[in-house]
Amino acid sequence: ALEDAKEISSKAEVGEILHVEIKSKEFGRIATMNAKNVI
């Protein structure tokens, strides 16, 4: 939503593509183990 996008970037506008950072620390144990197995 636009109001959430404004919190990330004040220049955000409707229709554009916004890069929303993902914190890897938020991943669960299973996701982390799968990532390790891939490596």
ModelCIF file with pLDDT and N, C-alpha, C, O atoms, coordinates in Angstrom:
data_MODEL
#
_entry.id   MODEL 
#
_entity.id                         1 
_entity.type                       polymer 
_entity.pdbx_number_of_molecules   1 
#
_entity_poly.entity_id                      1 
_entity_poly.type                           'polypeptide(L)' 
_entity_poly.nstd_linkage                   no 
_entity_poly.nstd_monomer                   no 
_entity_poly.pdbx_seq_one_letter_code       ALEDAKEISSKAEVGEILHVEIKSKEFGRIATMNAKNVI 
_entity_poly.pdbx_seq_one_letter_code_can   ALEDAKEISSKAEVGEILHVEIKSKEFGRIATMNAKNVI 
_entity_poly.pdbx_strand_id                 A 
#
loop_
_entity_poly_seq.entity_id 
_entity_poly_seq.num 
_entity_poly_seq.mon_id 
_entity_poly_seq.hetero 
1 1  ALA n 
1 2  LEU n 
1 3  GLU n 
1 4  ASP n 
1 5  ALA n 
1 6  LYS n 
1 7  GLU n 
1 8  ILE n 
1 9  SER n 
1 10 SER n 
1 11 LYS n 
1 12 ALA n 
1 13 GLU n 
1 14 VAL n 
1 15 GLY n 
1 16 GLU n 
1 17 ILE n 
1 18 LEU n 
1 19 HIS n 
1 20 VAL n 
1 21 GLU n 
1 22 ILE n 
1 23 LYS n 
1 24 SER n 
1 25 LYS n 
1 26 GLU n 
1 27 PHE n 
1 28 GLY n 
1 29 ARG n 
1 30 ILE n 
1 31 ALA n 
1 32 THR n 
1 33 MET n 
1 34 ASN n 
1 35 ALA n 
1 36 LYS n 
1 37 ASN n 
1 38 VAL n 
1 39 ILE n 
#
_struct_asym.id          A 
_struct_asym.entity_id   1 
#
loop_
_ma_qa_metric.id 
_ma_qa_metric.mode 
_ma_qa_metric.name 
_ma_qa_metric.software_group_id 
_ma_qa_metric.type 
1 global pLDDT . pLDDT 
2 local  pLDDT . pLDDT 
#
_ma_qa_metric_global.metric_id      1 
_ma_qa_metric_global.metric_value   76.97 
_ma_qa_metric_global.model_id       1 
_ma_qa_metric_global.ordinal_id     1 
#
loop_
_ma_qa_metric_local.label_asym_id 
_ma_qa_metric_local.label_comp_id 
_ma_qa_metric_local.label_seq_id 
_ma_qa_metric_local.metric_id 
_ma_qa_metric_local.metric_value 
_ma_qa_metric_local.model_id 
_ma_qa_metric_local.ordinal_id 
A ALA 1  2 83.00 1 1  
A LEU 2  2 78.00 1 2  
A GLU 3  2 77.00 1 3  
A ASP 4  2 77.00 1 4  
A ALA 5  2 79.00 1 5  
A LYS 6  2 78.00 1 6  
A GLU 7  2 76.00 1 7  
A ILE 8  2 78.00 1 8  
A SER 9  2 78.00 1 9  
A SER 10 2 76.00 1 10 
A LYS 11 2 77.00 1 11 
A ALA 12 2 79.00 1 12 
A GLU 13 2 80.00 1 13 
A VAL 14 2 81.00 1 14 
A GLY 15 2 79.00 1 15 
A GLU 16 2 82.00 1 16 
A ILE 17 2 82.00 1 17 
A LEU 18 2 80.00 1 18 
A HIS 19 2 78.00 1 19 
A VAL 20 2 78.00 1 20 
A GLU 21 2 76.00 1 21 
A ILE 22 2 77.00 1 22 
A LYS 23 2 74.00 1 23 
A SER 24 2 69.00 1 24 
A LYS 25 2 69.00 1 25 
A GLU 26 2 66.00 1 26 
A PHE 27 2 70.00 1 27 
A GLY 28 2 69.00 1 28 
A ARG 29 2 74.00 1 29 
A ILE 30 2 74.00 1 30 
A ALA 31 2 71.00 1 31 
A THR 32 2 75.00 1 32 
A MET 33 2 81.00 1 33 
A ASN 34 2 76.00 1 34 
A ALA 35 2 77.00 1 35 
A LYS 36 2 80.00 1 36 
A ASN 37 2 84.00 1 37 
A VAL 38 2 82.00 1 38 
A ILE 39 2 82.00 1 39 
#
loop_
_atom_site.group_PDB 
_atom_site.id 
_atom_site.type_symbol 
_atom_site.label_atom_id 
_atom_site.label_alt_id 
_atom_site.label_comp_id 
_atom_site.label_asym_id 
_atom_site.label_entity_id 
_atom_site.label_seq_id 
_atom_site.pdbx_PDB_ins_code 
_atom_site.Cartn_x 
_atom_site.Cartn_y 
_atom_site.Cartn_z 
_atom_site.occupancy 
_atom_site.B_iso_or_equiv 
_atom_site.pdbx_formal_charge 
_atom_site.auth_seq_id 
_atom_site.auth_comp_id 
_atom_site.auth_asym_id 
_atom_site.auth_atom_id 
_atom_site.pdbx_PDB_model_num 
ATOM 1   N N  . ALA A 1 1  ? 0.841  -1.200  0.000   1.00 83.00 ? 1  ALA A N  1 
ATOM 2   C CA . ALA A 1 1  ? 0.000  0.000   0.000   1.00 83.00 ? 1  ALA A CA 1 
ATOM 3   C C  . ALA A 1 1  ? 0.875  1.248   0.000   1.00 83.00 ? 1  ALA A C  1 
ATOM 4   O O  . ALA A 1 1  ? 2.008  1.216   0.479   1.00 83.00 ? 1  ALA A O  1 
ATOM 5   N N  . LEU A 1 2  ? 0.352  2.341   -0.534  1.00 78.00 ? 2  LEU A N  1 
ATOM 6   C CA . LEU A 1 2  ? 1.105  3.578   -0.673  1.00 78.00 ? 2  LEU A CA 1 
ATOM 7   C C  . LEU A 1 2  ? 1.597  4.101   0.669   1.00 78.00 ? 2  LEU A C  1 
ATOM 8   O O  . LEU A 1 2  ? 2.740  4.544   0.785   1.00 78.00 ? 2  LEU A O  1 
ATOM 9   N N  . GLU A 1 3  ? 0.722  4.050   1.699   1.00 77.00 ? 3  GLU A N  1 
ATOM 10  C CA . GLU A 1 3  ? 1.110  4.597   2.994   1.00 77.00 ? 3  GLU A CA 1 
ATOM 11  C C  . GLU A 1 3  ? 2.273  3.807   3.603   1.00 77.00 ? 3  GLU A C  1 
ATOM 12  O O  . GLU A 1 3  ? 3.132  4.389   4.265   1.00 77.00 ? 3  GLU A O  1 
ATOM 13  N N  . ASP A 1 4  ? 2.308  2.470   3.383   1.00 77.00 ? 4  ASP A N  1 
ATOM 14  C CA . ASP A 1 4  ? 3.438  1.675   3.863   1.00 77.00 ? 4  ASP A CA 1 
ATOM 15  C C  . ASP A 1 4  ? 4.685  1.946   3.034   1.00 77.00 ? 4  ASP A C  1 
ATOM 16  O O  . ASP A 1 4  ? 5.802  1.960   3.552   1.00 77.00 ? 4  ASP A O  1 
ATOM 17  N N  . ALA A 1 5  ? 4.479  2.158   1.751   1.00 79.00 ? 5  ALA A N  1 
ATOM 18  C CA . ALA A 1 5  ? 5.601  2.439   0.861   1.00 79.00 ? 5  ALA A CA 1 
ATOM 19  C C  . ALA A 1 5  ? 6.258  3.763   1.220   1.00 79.00 ? 5  ALA A C  1 
ATOM 20  O O  . ALA A 1 5  ? 7.474  3.905   1.092   1.00 79.00 ? 5  ALA A O  1 
ATOM 21  N N  . LYS A 1 6  ? 5.448  4.760   1.681   1.00 78.00 ? 6  LYS A N  1 
ATOM 22  C CA . LYS A 1 6  ? 5.988  6.070   2.058   1.00 78.00 ? 6  LYS A CA 1 
ATOM 23  C C  . LYS A 1 6  ? 6.954  5.948   3.241   1.00 78.00 ? 6  LYS A C  1 
ATOM 24  O O  . LYS A 1 6  ? 7.899  6.728   3.363   1.00 78.00 ? 6  LYS A O  1 
ATOM 25  N N  . GLU A 1 7  ? 6.709  4.971   4.100   1.00 76.00 ? 7  GLU A N  1 
ATOM 26  C CA . GLU A 1 7  ? 7.594  4.775   5.249   1.00 76.00 ? 7  GLU A CA 1 
ATOM 27  C C  . GLU A 1 7  ? 8.974  4.268   4.812   1.00 76.00 ? 7  GLU A C  1 
ATOM 28  O O  . GLU A 1 7  ? 9.981  4.492   5.483   1.00 76.00 ? 7  GLU A O  1 
ATOM 29  N N  . ILE A 1 8  ? 8.985  3.586   3.677   1.00 78.00 ? 8  ILE A N  1 
ATOM 30  C CA . ILE A 1 8  ? 10.259 3.074   3.155   1.00 78.00 ? 8  ILE A CA 1 
ATOM 31  C C  . ILE A 1 8  ? 10.939 4.120   2.293   1.00 78.00 ? 8  ILE A C  1 
ATOM 32  O O  . ILE A 1 8  ? 12.145 4.345   2.396   1.00 78.00 ? 8  ILE A O  1 
ATOM 33  N N  . SER A 1 9  ? 10.140 4.762   1.435   1.00 78.00 ? 9  SER A N  1 
ATOM 34  C CA . SER A 1 9  ? 10.675 5.807   0.556   1.00 78.00 ? 9  SER A CA 1 
ATOM 35  C C  . SER A 1 9  ? 9.644  6.912   0.425   1.00 78.00 ? 9  SER A C  1 
ATOM 36  O O  . SER A 1 9  ? 8.514  6.674   -0.002  1.00 78.00 ? 9  SER A O  1 
ATOM 37  N N  . SER A 1 10 ? 10.028 8.090   0.785   1.00 76.00 ? 10 SER A N  1 
ATOM 38  C CA . SER A 1 10 ? 9.087  9.238   0.744   1.00 76.00 ? 10 SER A CA 1 
ATOM 39  C C  . SER A 1 10 ? 8.695  9.593   -0.687  1.00 76.00 ? 10 SER A C  1 
ATOM 40  O O  . SER A 1 10 ? 7.699  10.281  -0.910  1.00 76.00 ? 10 SER A O  1 
ATOM 41  N N  . LYS A 1 11 ? 9.477  9.125   -1.648  1.00 77.00 ? 11 LYS A N  1 
ATOM 42  C CA . LYS A 1 11 ? 9.196  9.441   -3.061  1.00 77.00 ? 11 LYS A CA 1 
ATOM 43  C C  . LYS A 1 11 ? 8.349  8.370   -3.732  1.00 77.00 ? 11 LYS A C  1 
ATOM 44  O O  . LYS A 1 11 ? 8.109  8.438   -4.938  1.00 77.00 ? 11 LYS A O  1 
ATOM 45  N N  . ALA A 1 12 ? 7.893  7.384   -2.968  1.00 79.00 ? 12 ALA A N  1 
ATOM 46  C CA . ALA A 1 12 ? 7.099  6.295   -3.553  1.00 79.00 ? 12 ALA A CA 1 
ATOM 47  C C  . ALA A 1 12 ? 5.806  6.820   -4.164  1.00 79.00 ? 12 ALA A C  1 
ATOM 48  O O  . ALA A 1 12 ? 5.162  7.708   -3.606  1.00 79.00 ? 12 ALA A O  1 
ATOM 49  N N  . GLU A 1 13 ? 5.432  6.264   -5.318  1.00 80.00 ? 13 GLU A N  1 
ATOM 50  C CA . GLU A 1 13 ? 4.207  6.649   -6.008  1.00 80.00 ? 13 GLU A CA 1 
ATOM 51  C C  . GLU A 1 13 ? 3.455  5.399   -6.449  1.00 80.00 ? 13 GLU A C  1 
ATOM 52  O O  . GLU A 1 13 ? 4.034  4.323   -6.603  1.00 80.00 ? 13 GLU A O  1 
ATOM 53  N N  . VAL A 1 14 ? 2.169  5.567   -6.643  1.00 81.00 ? 14 VAL A N  1 
ATOM 54  C CA . VAL A 1 14 ? 1.330  4.452   -7.062  1.00 81.00 ? 14 VAL A CA 1 
ATOM 55  C C  . VAL A 1 14 ? 1.756  3.978   -8.460  1.00 81.00 ? 14 VAL A C  1 
ATOM 56  O O  . VAL A 1 14 ? 1.951  4.775   -9.378  1.00 81.00 ? 14 VAL A O  1 
ATOM 57  N N  . GLY A 1 15 ? 1.894  2.644   -8.584  1.00 79.00 ? 15 GLY A N  1 
ATOM 58  C CA . GLY A 1 15 ? 2.230  2.061   -9.882  1.00 79.00 ? 15 GLY A CA 1 
ATOM 59  C C  . GLY A 1 15 ? 3.701  1.735   -10.060 1.00 79.00 ? 15 GLY A C  1 
ATOM 60  O O  . GLY A 1 15 ? 4.064  0.961   -10.946 1.00 79.00 ? 15 GLY A O  1 
ATOM 61  N N  . GLU A 1 16 ? 4.565  2.330   -9.212  1.00 82.00 ? 16 GLU A N  1 
ATOM 62  C CA . GLU A 1 16 ? 5.988  2.032   -9.374  1.00 82.00 ? 16 GLU A CA 1 
ATOM 63  C C  . GLU A 1 16 ? 6.377  0.773   -8.602  1.00 82.00 ? 16 GLU A C  1 
ATOM 64  O O  . GLU A 1 16 ? 5.635  0.296   -7.743  1.00 82.00 ? 16 GLU A O  1 
ATOM 65  N N  . ILE A 1 17 ? 7.561  0.247   -8.930  1.00 82.00 ? 17 ILE A N  1 
ATOM 66  C CA . ILE A 1 17 ? 8.076  -0.947  -8.253  1.00 82.00 ? 17 ILE A CA 1 
ATOM 67  C C  . ILE A 1 17 ? 9.033  -0.497  -7.153  1.00 82.00 ? 17 ILE A C  1 
ATOM 68  O O  . ILE A 1 17 ? 10.000 0.223   -7.400  1.00 82.00 ? 17 ILE A O  1 
ATOM 69  N N  . LEU A 1 18 ? 8.737  -0.939  -5.943  1.00 80.00 ? 18 LEU A N  1 
ATOM 70  C CA . LEU A 1 18 ? 9.535  -0.545  -4.788  1.00 80.00 ? 18 LEU A CA 1 
ATOM 71  C C  . LEU A 1 18 ? 10.342 -1.729  -4.275  1.00 80.00 ? 18 LEU A C  1 
ATOM 72  O O  . LEU A 1 18 ? 9.837  -2.849  -4.200  1.00 80.00 ? 18 LEU A O  1 
ATOM 73  N N  . HIS A 1 19 ? 11.594 -1.476  -3.922  1.00 78.00 ? 19 HIS A N  1 
ATOM 74  C CA . HIS A 1 19 ? 12.446 -2.519  -3.353  1.00 78.00 ? 19 HIS A CA 1 
ATOM 75  C C  . HIS A 1 19 ? 12.265 -2.545  -1.843  1.00 78.00 ? 19 HIS A C  1 
ATOM 76  O O  . HIS A 1 19 ? 12.624 -1.600  -1.140  1.00 78.00 ? 19 HIS A O  1 
ATOM 77  N N  . VAL A 1 20 ? 11.705 -3.635  -1.367  1.00 78.00 ? 20 VAL A N  1 
ATOM 78  C CA . VAL A 1 20 ? 11.447 -3.779  0.063   1.00 78.00 ? 20 VAL A CA 1 
ATOM 79  C C  . VAL A 1 20 ? 12.454 -4.764  0.638   1.00 78.00 ? 20 VAL A C  1 
ATOM 80  O O  . VAL A 1 20 ? 12.467 -5.942  0.280   1.00 78.00 ? 20 VAL A O  1 
ATOM 81  N N  . GLU A 1 21 ? 13.303 -4.258  1.543   1.00 76.00 ? 21 GLU A N  1 
ATOM 82  C CA . GLU A 1 21 ? 14.365 -5.100  2.100   1.00 76.00 ? 21 GLU A CA 1 
ATOM 83  C C  . GLU A 1 21 ? 13.794 -6.219  2.966   1.00 76.00 ? 21 GLU A C  1 
ATOM 84  O O  . GLU A 1 21 ? 12.831 -6.031  3.710   1.00 76.00 ? 21 GLU A O  1 
ATOM 85  N N  . ILE A 1 22 ? 14.416 -7.383  2.844   1.00 77.00 ? 22 ILE A N  1 
ATOM 86  C CA . ILE A 1 22 ? 14.018 -8.554  3.642   1.00 77.00 ? 22 ILE A CA 1 
ATOM 87  C C  . ILE A 1 22 ? 15.141 -8.861  4.624   1.00 77.00 ? 22 ILE A C  1 
ATOM 88  O O  . ILE A 1 22 ? 16.299 -8.993  4.229   1.00 77.00 ? 22 ILE A O  1 
ATOM 89  N N  . LYS A 1 23 ? 14.799 -8.974  5.890   1.00 74.00 ? 23 LYS A N  1 
ATOM 90  C CA . LYS A 1 23 ? 15.792 -9.290  6.917   1.00 74.00 ? 23 LYS A CA 1 
ATOM 91  C C  . LYS A 1 23 ? 15.945 -10.808 7.012   1.00 74.00 ? 23 LYS A C  1 
ATOM 92  O O  . LYS A 1 23 ? 15.001 -11.522 7.351   1.00 74.00 ? 23 LYS A O  1 
ATOM 93  N N  . SER A 1 24 ? 17.142 -11.282 6.707   1.00 69.00 ? 24 SER A N  1 
ATOM 94  C CA . SER A 1 24 ? 17.363 -12.725 6.730   1.00 69.00 ? 24 SER A CA 1 
ATOM 95  C C  . SER A 1 24 ? 17.243 -13.303 8.140   1.00 69.00 ? 24 SER A C  1 
ATOM 96  O O  . SER A 1 24 ? 16.998 -14.498 8.305   1.00 69.00 ? 24 SER A O  1 
ATOM 97  N N  . LYS A 1 25 ? 17.417 -12.454 9.153   1.00 69.00 ? 25 LYS A N  1 
ATOM 98  C CA . LYS A 1 25 ? 17.297 -12.926 10.531  1.00 69.00 ? 25 LYS A CA 1 
ATOM 99  C C  . LYS A 1 25 ? 15.867 -13.358 10.863  1.00 69.00 ? 25 LYS A C  1 
ATOM 100 O O  . LYS A 1 25 ? 15.629 -14.070 11.838  1.00 69.00 ? 25 LYS A O  1 
ATOM 101 N N  . GLU A 1 26 ? 14.931 -12.917 10.039  1.00 66.00 ? 26 GLU A N  1 
ATOM 102 C CA . GLU A 1 26 ? 13.527 -13.244 10.287  1.00 66.00 ? 26 GLU A CA 1 
ATOM 103 C C  . GLU A 1 26 ? 13.161 -14.636 9.767   1.00 66.00 ? 26 GLU A C  1 
ATOM 104 O O  . GLU A 1 26 ? 12.076 -15.144 10.050  1.00 66.00 ? 26 GLU A O  1 
ATOM 105 N N  . PHE A 1 27 ? 14.066 -15.246 9.010   1.00 70.00 ? 27 PHE A N  1 
ATOM 106 C CA . PHE A 1 27 ? 13.765 -16.560 8.445   1.00 70.00 ? 27 PHE A CA 1 
ATOM 107 C C  . PHE A 1 27 ? 13.625 -17.583 9.560   1.00 70.00 ? 27 PHE A C  1 
ATOM 108 O O  . PHE A 1 27 ? 14.302 -17.501 10.584  1.00 70.00 ? 27 PHE A O  1 
ATOM 109 N N  . GLY A 1 28 ? 12.739 -18.548 9.349   1.00 69.00 ? 28 GLY A N  1 
ATOM 110 C CA . GLY A 1 28 ? 12.557 -19.615 10.321  1.00 69.00 ? 28 GLY A CA 1 
ATOM 111 C C  . GLY A 1 28 ? 13.680 -20.648 10.239  1.00 69.00 ? 28 GLY A C  1 
ATOM 112 O O  . GLY A 1 28 ? 14.537 -20.575 9.358   1.00 69.00 ? 28 GLY A O  1 
ATOM 113 N N  . ARG A 1 29 ? 13.669 -21.603 11.160  1.00 74.00 ? 29 ARG A N  1 
ATOM 114 C CA . ARG A 1 29 ? 14.717 -22.616 11.232  1.00 74.00 ? 29 ARG A CA 1 
ATOM 115 C C  . ARG A 1 29 ? 14.740 -23.487 9.986   1.00 74.00 ? 29 ARG A C  1 
ATOM 116 O O  . ARG A 1 29 ? 15.806 -23.824 9.472   1.00 74.00 ? 29 ARG A O  1 
ATOM 117 N N  . ILE A 1 30 ? 13.551 -23.850 9.505   1.00 74.00 ? 30 ILE A N  1 
ATOM 118 C CA . ILE A 1 30 ? 13.485 -24.722 8.320   1.00 74.00 ? 30 ILE A CA 1 
ATOM 119 C C  . ILE A 1 30 ? 14.024 -24.007 7.088   1.00 74.00 ? 30 ILE A C  1 
ATOM 120 O O  . ILE A 1 30 ? 14.759 -24.591 6.292   1.00 74.00 ? 30 ILE A O  1 
ATOM 121 N N  . ALA A 1 31 ? 13.652 -22.735 6.938   1.00 71.00 ? 31 ALA A N  1 
ATOM 122 C CA . ALA A 1 31 ? 14.139 -21.951 5.800   1.00 71.00 ? 31 ALA A CA 1 
ATOM 123 C C  . ALA A 1 31 ? 15.651 -21.810 5.852   1.00 71.00 ? 31 ALA A C  1 
ATOM 124 O O  . ALA A 1 31 ? 16.330 -21.875 4.828   1.00 71.00 ? 31 ALA A O  1 
ATOM 125 N N  . THR A 1 32 ? 16.172 -21.615 7.067   1.00 75.00 ? 32 THR A N  1 
ATOM 126 C CA . THR A 1 32 ? 17.616 -21.475 7.232   1.00 75.00 ? 32 THR A CA 1 
ATOM 127 C C  . THR A 1 32 ? 18.342 -22.772 6.884   1.00 75.00 ? 32 THR A C  1 
ATOM 128 O O  . THR A 1 32 ? 19.373 -22.752 6.212   1.00 75.00 ? 32 THR A O  1 
ATOM 129 N N  . MET A 1 33 ? 17.796 -23.904 7.347   1.00 81.00 ? 33 MET A N  1 
ATOM 130 C CA . MET A 1 33 ? 18.406 -25.200 7.051   1.00 81.00 ? 33 MET A CA 1 
ATOM 131 C C  . MET A 1 33 ? 18.395 -25.494 5.557   1.00 81.00 ? 33 MET A C  1 
ATOM 132 O O  . MET A 1 33 ? 19.364 -26.029 5.018   1.00 81.00 ? 33 MET A O  1 
ATOM 133 N N  . ASN A 1 34 ? 17.307 -25.146 4.896   1.00 76.00 ? 34 ASN A N  1 
ATOM 134 C CA . ASN A 1 34 ? 17.220 -25.357 3.445   1.00 76.00 ? 34 ASN A CA 1 
ATOM 135 C C  . ASN A 1 34 ? 18.259 -24.513 2.706   1.00 76.00 ? 34 ASN A C  1 
ATOM 136 O O  . ASN A 1 34 ? 18.866 -24.961 1.734   1.00 76.00 ? 34 ASN A O  1 
ATOM 137 N N  . ALA A 1 35 ? 18.450 -23.272 3.192   1.00 77.00 ? 35 ALA A N  1 
ATOM 138 C CA . ALA A 1 35 ? 19.445 -22.395 2.577   1.00 77.00 ? 35 ALA A CA 1 
ATOM 139 C C  . ALA A 1 35 ? 20.843 -22.991 2.739   1.00 77.00 ? 35 ALA A C  1 
ATOM 140 O O  . ALA A 1 35 ? 21.647 -22.979 1.807   1.00 77.00 ? 35 ALA A O  1 
ATOM 141 N N  . LYS A 1 36 ? 21.119 -23.513 3.936   1.00 80.00 ? 36 LYS A N  1 
ATOM 142 C CA . LYS A 1 36 ? 22.415 -24.156 4.202   1.00 80.00 ? 36 LYS A CA 1 
ATOM 143 C C  . LYS A 1 36 ? 22.626 -25.349 3.281   1.00 80.00 ? 36 LYS A C  1 
ATOM 144 O O  . LYS A 1 36 ? 23.716 -25.530 2.738   1.00 80.00 ? 36 LYS A O  1 
ATOM 145 N N  . ASN A 1 37 ? 21.590 -26.166 3.101   1.00 84.00 ? 37 ASN A N  1 
ATOM 146 C CA . ASN A 1 37 ? 21.699 -27.357 2.248   1.00 84.00 ? 37 ASN A CA 1 
ATOM 147 C C  . ASN A 1 37 ? 21.960 -26.993 0.793   1.00 84.00 ? 37 ASN A C  1 
ATOM 148 O O  . ASN A 1 37 ? 22.676 -27.697 0.081   1.00 84.00 ? 37 ASN A O  1 
ATOM 149 N N  . VAL A 1 38 ? 21.367 -25.878 0.359   1.00 82.00 ? 38 VAL A N  1 
ATOM 150 C CA . VAL A 1 38 ? 21.592 -25.423 -1.015  1.00 82.00 ? 38 VAL A CA 1 
ATOM 151 C C  . VAL A 1 38 ? 23.066 -25.091 -1.224  1.00 82.00 ? 38 VAL A C  1 
ATOM 152 O O  . VAL A 1 38 ? 23.647 -25.448 -2.249  1.00 82.00 ? 38 VAL A O  1 
ATOM 153 N N  . ILE A 1 39 ? 23.670 -24.406 -0.251  1.00 82.00 ? 39 ILE A N  1 
ATOM 154 C CA . ILE A 1 39 ? 25.085 -24.044 -0.360  1.00 82.00 ? 39 ILE A CA 1 
ATOM 155 C C  . ILE A 1 39 ? 25.966 -25.293 -0.353  1.00 82.00 ? 39 ILE A C  1 
ATOM 156 O O  . ILE A 1 39 ? 27.189 -25.187 -0.436  1.00 82.00 ? 39 ILE A O  1 
#
